[in-house]
Amino acid sequence: MIGCIAYPDIHNLIFKNKERIELLESFIFPTMPMLLAARDLTQESGNTIASHPAPVAFIPKSYGEVTLVNSNAAAAKLCSDGGTDACITTEKA
């Protein structure tokens, strides 16, 4: 398994399975910069925003309702398809 320490609650995955998993190696790999992307975000409240759980803490609570998705790419796609007003994602996504 390759795991990213940036994921929320990663400790639950590790410590609840410590009898079954073994850390063999670790490495540091830079992640892509995150950004708030929107088709047309003209207000600072009442929006719907898609986000993977890891960067959700960067969204001010006043911005609106957060829809959790499985990846940055899924957040970008949902926003692009009109399912949300904005998303937290990467520039590439």
Protein backbone atom coordinates (compact mmCIF):
# COMPACT_ATOMS: atom_id res chain seq x y z
CA MET A 1 0.00 0.00 0.00
CA ILE A 2 1.14 3.51 -0.74
CA GLY A 3 -0.45 6.00 1.63
CA CYS A 4 -0.35 9.75 1.80
CA ILE A 5 0.02 11.34 5.23
CA ALA A 6 -2.03 14.32 4.07
CA TYR A 7 -5.28 12.35 4.25
CA PRO A 8 -7.51 13.14 7.22
CA ASP A 9 -7.73 10.37 9.79
CA ILE A 10 -4.85 8.41 8.21
CA HIS A 11 -4.00 7.34 11.75
CA ASN A 12 -7.20 5.25 11.80
CA LEU A 13 -6.03 3.27 8.79
CA ILE A 14 -2.58 2.72 10.22
CA PHE A 15 -3.25 2.14 13.89
CA LYS A 16 -6.37 0.02 13.45
CA ASN A 17 -4.37 -2.31 11.21
CA LYS A 18 -0.95 -2.23 12.87
CA GLU A 19 -0.98 -6.00 13.39
CA ARG A 20 -1.49 -6.58 9.66
CA ILE A 21 0.66 -3.92 8.02
CA GLU A 22 4.35 -3.14 8.16
CA LEU A 23 6.09 0.07 7.13
CA LEU A 24 8.82 -0.94 4.70
CA GLU A 25 9.85 2.38 3.25
CA SER A 26 8.86 6.01 3.23
CA PHE A 27 9.54 8.79 0.76
CA ILE A 28 8.71 12.42 0.25
CA PHE A 29 7.01 13.44 -2.95
CA PRO A 30 5.75 16.97 -3.55
CA THR A 31 2.07 17.32 -4.28
CA MET A 32 0.58 19.62 -6.87
CA PRO A 33 -0.58 23.01 -5.56
CA MET A 34 -4.26 23.12 -4.65
CA LEU A 35 -6.64 25.84 -5.81
CA LEU A 36 -10.25 26.92 -5.66
CA ALA A 37 -11.71 26.55 -9.15
CA ALA A 38 -15.13 27.79 -10.22
CA ARG A 39 -17.15 28.39 -13.32
CA ASP A 40 -18.56 31.64 -11.89
CA LEU A 41 -18.17 32.18 -8.15
CA THR A 42 -19.64 35.66 -7.67
CA GLN A 43 -20.70 35.36 -4.04
CA GLU A 44 -18.88 34.37 -0.86
CA SER A 45 -21.73 32.33 0.64
CA GLY A 46 -24.46 29.93 -0.43
CA ASN A 47 -22.26 28.04 -2.86
CA THR A 48 -21.76 24.31 -3.33
CA ILE A 49 -18.13 23.22 -3.37
CA ALA A 50 -16.74 19.78 -4.25
CA SER A 51 -13.61 18.59 -2.46
CA HIS A 52 -11.65 15.51 -1.59
CA PRO A 53 -11.65 15.14 2.23
CA ALA A 54 -7.94 16.03 2.57
CA PRO A 55 -8.08 19.73 1.55
CA VAL A 56 -11.61 20.42 2.84
CA ALA A 57 -10.22 22.37 5.80
CA PHE A 58 -9.05 25.09 3.39
CA ILE A 59 -12.64 26.01 2.47
CA PRO A 60 -14.04 28.81 4.64
CA LYS A 61 -17.26 27.57 6.27
CA SER A 62 -19.02 30.74 5.09
CA TYR A 63 -18.51 29.78 1.42
CA GLY A 64 -21.24 27.17 1.42
CA GLU A 65 -22.02 23.48 1.45
CA VAL A 66 -19.20 21.00 0.76
CA THR A 67 -19.76 17.85 -1.29
CA LEU A 68 -17.08 15.24 -0.57
CA VAL A 69 -15.71 13.26 -3.51
CA ASN A 70 -13.03 10.58 -3.93
CA SER A 71 -10.35 12.62 -5.70
CA ASN A 72 -9.27 16.06 -6.89
CA ALA A 73 -10.13 14.98 -10.42
CA ALA A 74 -13.65 13.96 -9.33
CA ALA A 75 -14.09 17.38 -7.69
CA ALA A 76 -13.03 19.15 -10.89
CA LYS A 77 -15.32 16.98 -13.03
CA LEU A 78 -18.33 17.50 -10.78
CA CYS A 79 -17.82 21.27 -10.91
CA SER A 80 -17.20 21.25 -14.66
CA ASP A 81 -20.37 19.24 -15.23
CA GLY A 82 -22.40 21.79 -13.24
CA GLY A 83 -22.90 19.63 -10.16
CA THR A 84 -21.31 22.23 -7.87
CA ASP A 85 -20.44 25.91 -8.11
CA ALA A 86 -16.77 25.40 -7.28
CA CYS A 87 -14.19 22.85 -6.22
CA ILE A 88 -10.89 22.46 -4.45
CA THR A 89 -8.59 20.70 -6.90
CA THR A 90 -5.27 20.96 -8.72
CA GLU A 91 -4.56 23.11 -11.75
CA LYS A 92 -3.99 20.00 -13.86
CA ALA A 93 -7.36 18.48 -12.86
